[in-house]
Amino acid sequence: MENSKILKQYMVEFDVPYPLTDEILDMIPKQKVVIDELFAGGKMLSYTLSLDRTKVWAIFLADQESELLAFIDRLPMTSYMDFDYHEIMFHNTVHLMPAMSLN
């Protein structure tokens, strides 16, 4: 039998400062790079920005709380945002894939 780790899931809520300063706006490309790395590594499942741009919600997979905090610390904009997190039981999503045409 394979020895596989069961990762914990965490919902993180970030409070985005408003109004956004030029300094924070300049960090958006760097933030996107880290988010893409976390997605590619299977450590982030979702990243959502509220319509009014004052909240971000993210679902992370981590071995333990300290690993989650390390992921959060990697995000360049974290030092400008307050955040709170909760371990969650599950997170379900629907992944919509475009239909392929053979024509």
Protein backbone atom coordinates (compact mmCIF):
# COMPACT_ATOMS: atom_id res chain seq x y z
CA MET A 1 0.00 0.00 0.00
CA GLU A 2 1.32 3.42 -0.97
CA ASN A 3 2.17 5.79 1.87
CA SER A 4 0.52 9.04 0.80
CA LYS A 5 0.08 12.16 2.88
CA ILE A 6 -3.33 13.64 3.35
CA LEU A 7 -3.02 17.37 2.90
CA LYS A 8 -5.13 19.77 4.93
CA GLN A 9 -7.25 22.35 3.14
CA TYR A 10 -7.35 25.96 4.31
CA MET A 11 -9.57 28.87 3.32
CA VAL A 12 -7.68 32.15 3.59
CA GLU A 13 -9.43 35.52 3.51
CA PHE A 14 -7.30 38.57 2.75
CA ASP A 15 -8.41 42.16 3.31
CA VAL A 16 -7.12 44.21 0.40
CA PRO A 17 -6.28 47.82 1.32
CA TYR A 18 -8.38 50.49 -0.35
CA PRO A 19 -7.52 52.60 -2.18
CA LEU A 20 -4.67 50.69 -3.77
CA THR A 21 -1.44 52.64 -3.76
CA ASP A 22 0.97 52.71 -6.71
CA GLU A 23 3.36 50.60 -4.64
CA ILE A 24 0.75 47.86 -4.22
CA LEU A 25 -0.36 48.07 -7.86
CA ASP A 26 3.27 47.57 -8.94
CA MET A 27 3.32 44.28 -6.99
CA ILE A 28 0.43 42.71 -8.91
CA PRO A 29 2.64 41.07 -11.60
CA LYS A 30 4.92 39.57 -8.90
CA GLN A 31 1.86 38.37 -6.97
CA LYS A 32 0.54 36.68 -10.12
CA VAL A 33 3.85 34.84 -10.65
CA VAL A 34 3.75 33.37 -7.13
CA ILE A 35 0.07 32.47 -7.47
CA ASP A 36 0.81 30.68 -10.76
CA GLU A 37 3.67 28.77 -9.06
CA LEU A 38 1.38 27.72 -6.18
CA PHE A 39 -1.28 26.54 -8.66
CA ALA A 40 1.30 24.66 -10.74
CA GLY A 41 2.68 23.00 -7.61
CA GLY A 42 -0.78 21.89 -6.50
CA LYS A 43 -0.61 24.03 -3.35
CA MET A 44 -3.40 26.47 -4.29
CA LEU A 45 -6.79 25.33 -5.52
CA SER A 46 -8.55 28.66 -6.02
CA TYR A 47 -7.94 32.39 -5.85
CA THR A 48 -10.92 34.77 -5.95
CA LEU A 49 -11.15 38.57 -5.88
CA SER A 50 -14.38 40.25 -4.79
CA LEU A 51 -16.11 42.62 -7.20
CA ASP A 52 -15.30 45.64 -5.03
CA ARG A 53 -11.64 44.47 -4.89
CA THR A 54 -11.47 44.59 -1.09
CA LYS A 55 -11.37 40.83 -0.39
CA VAL A 56 -9.44 37.88 -1.75
CA TRP A 57 -10.31 34.29 -0.89
CA ALA A 58 -7.89 31.46 -1.56
CA ILE A 59 -7.93 27.73 -0.94
CA PHE A 60 -4.55 26.19 -0.10
CA LEU A 61 -3.38 22.61 0.43
CA ALA A 62 -0.71 22.21 3.10
CA ASP A 63 0.79 19.50 5.32
CA GLN A 64 0.36 21.71 8.36
CA GLU A 65 -0.36 25.26 9.46
CA SER A 66 3.30 26.30 9.30
CA GLU A 67 3.47 25.31 5.63
CA LEU A 68 0.31 27.34 4.92
CA LEU A 69 1.88 30.38 6.59
CA ALA A 70 5.01 29.92 4.48
CA PHE A 71 2.87 29.94 1.31
CA ILE A 72 1.10 33.10 2.47
CA ASP A 73 4.43 34.77 3.26
CA ARG A 74 5.61 34.06 -0.32
CA LEU A 75 2.86 36.30 -1.70
CA PRO A 76 4.41 39.76 -2.26
CA MET A 77 1.24 41.65 -1.30
CA THR A 78 0.75 39.87 2.04
CA SER A 79 2.66 42.52 3.99
CA TYR A 80 0.00 45.05 2.90
CA MET A 81 -3.01 42.89 3.75
CA ASP A 82 -4.60 41.54 6.89
CA PHE A 83 -5.65 37.92 6.62
CA ASP A 84 -7.41 35.18 8.51
CA TYR A 85 -7.59 31.47 7.75
CA HIS A 86 -9.53 28.38 8.68
CA GLU A 87 -8.94 24.72 8.11
CA ILE A 88 -11.86 23.42 6.05
CA MET A 89 -13.35 19.97 5.62
CA PHE A 90 -13.62 20.17 1.83
CA HIS A 91 -13.76 22.47 -1.17
CA ASN A 92 -15.74 21.44 -4.24
CA THR A 93 -15.51 23.13 -7.61
CA VAL A 94 -16.62 22.51 -11.15
CA HIS A 95 -13.91 22.73 -13.77
CA LEU A 96 -15.44 23.76 -17.06
CA MET A 97 -13.48 22.66 -20.08
CA PRO A 98 -14.31 23.95 -23.57
CA ALA A 99 -15.80 21.35 -25.85
CA MET A 100 -13.39 20.03 -28.44
CA SER A 101 -14.44 20.00 -32.05
CA LEU A 102 -13.14 17.31 -34.33
CA ASN A 103 -14.10 19.34 -37.43
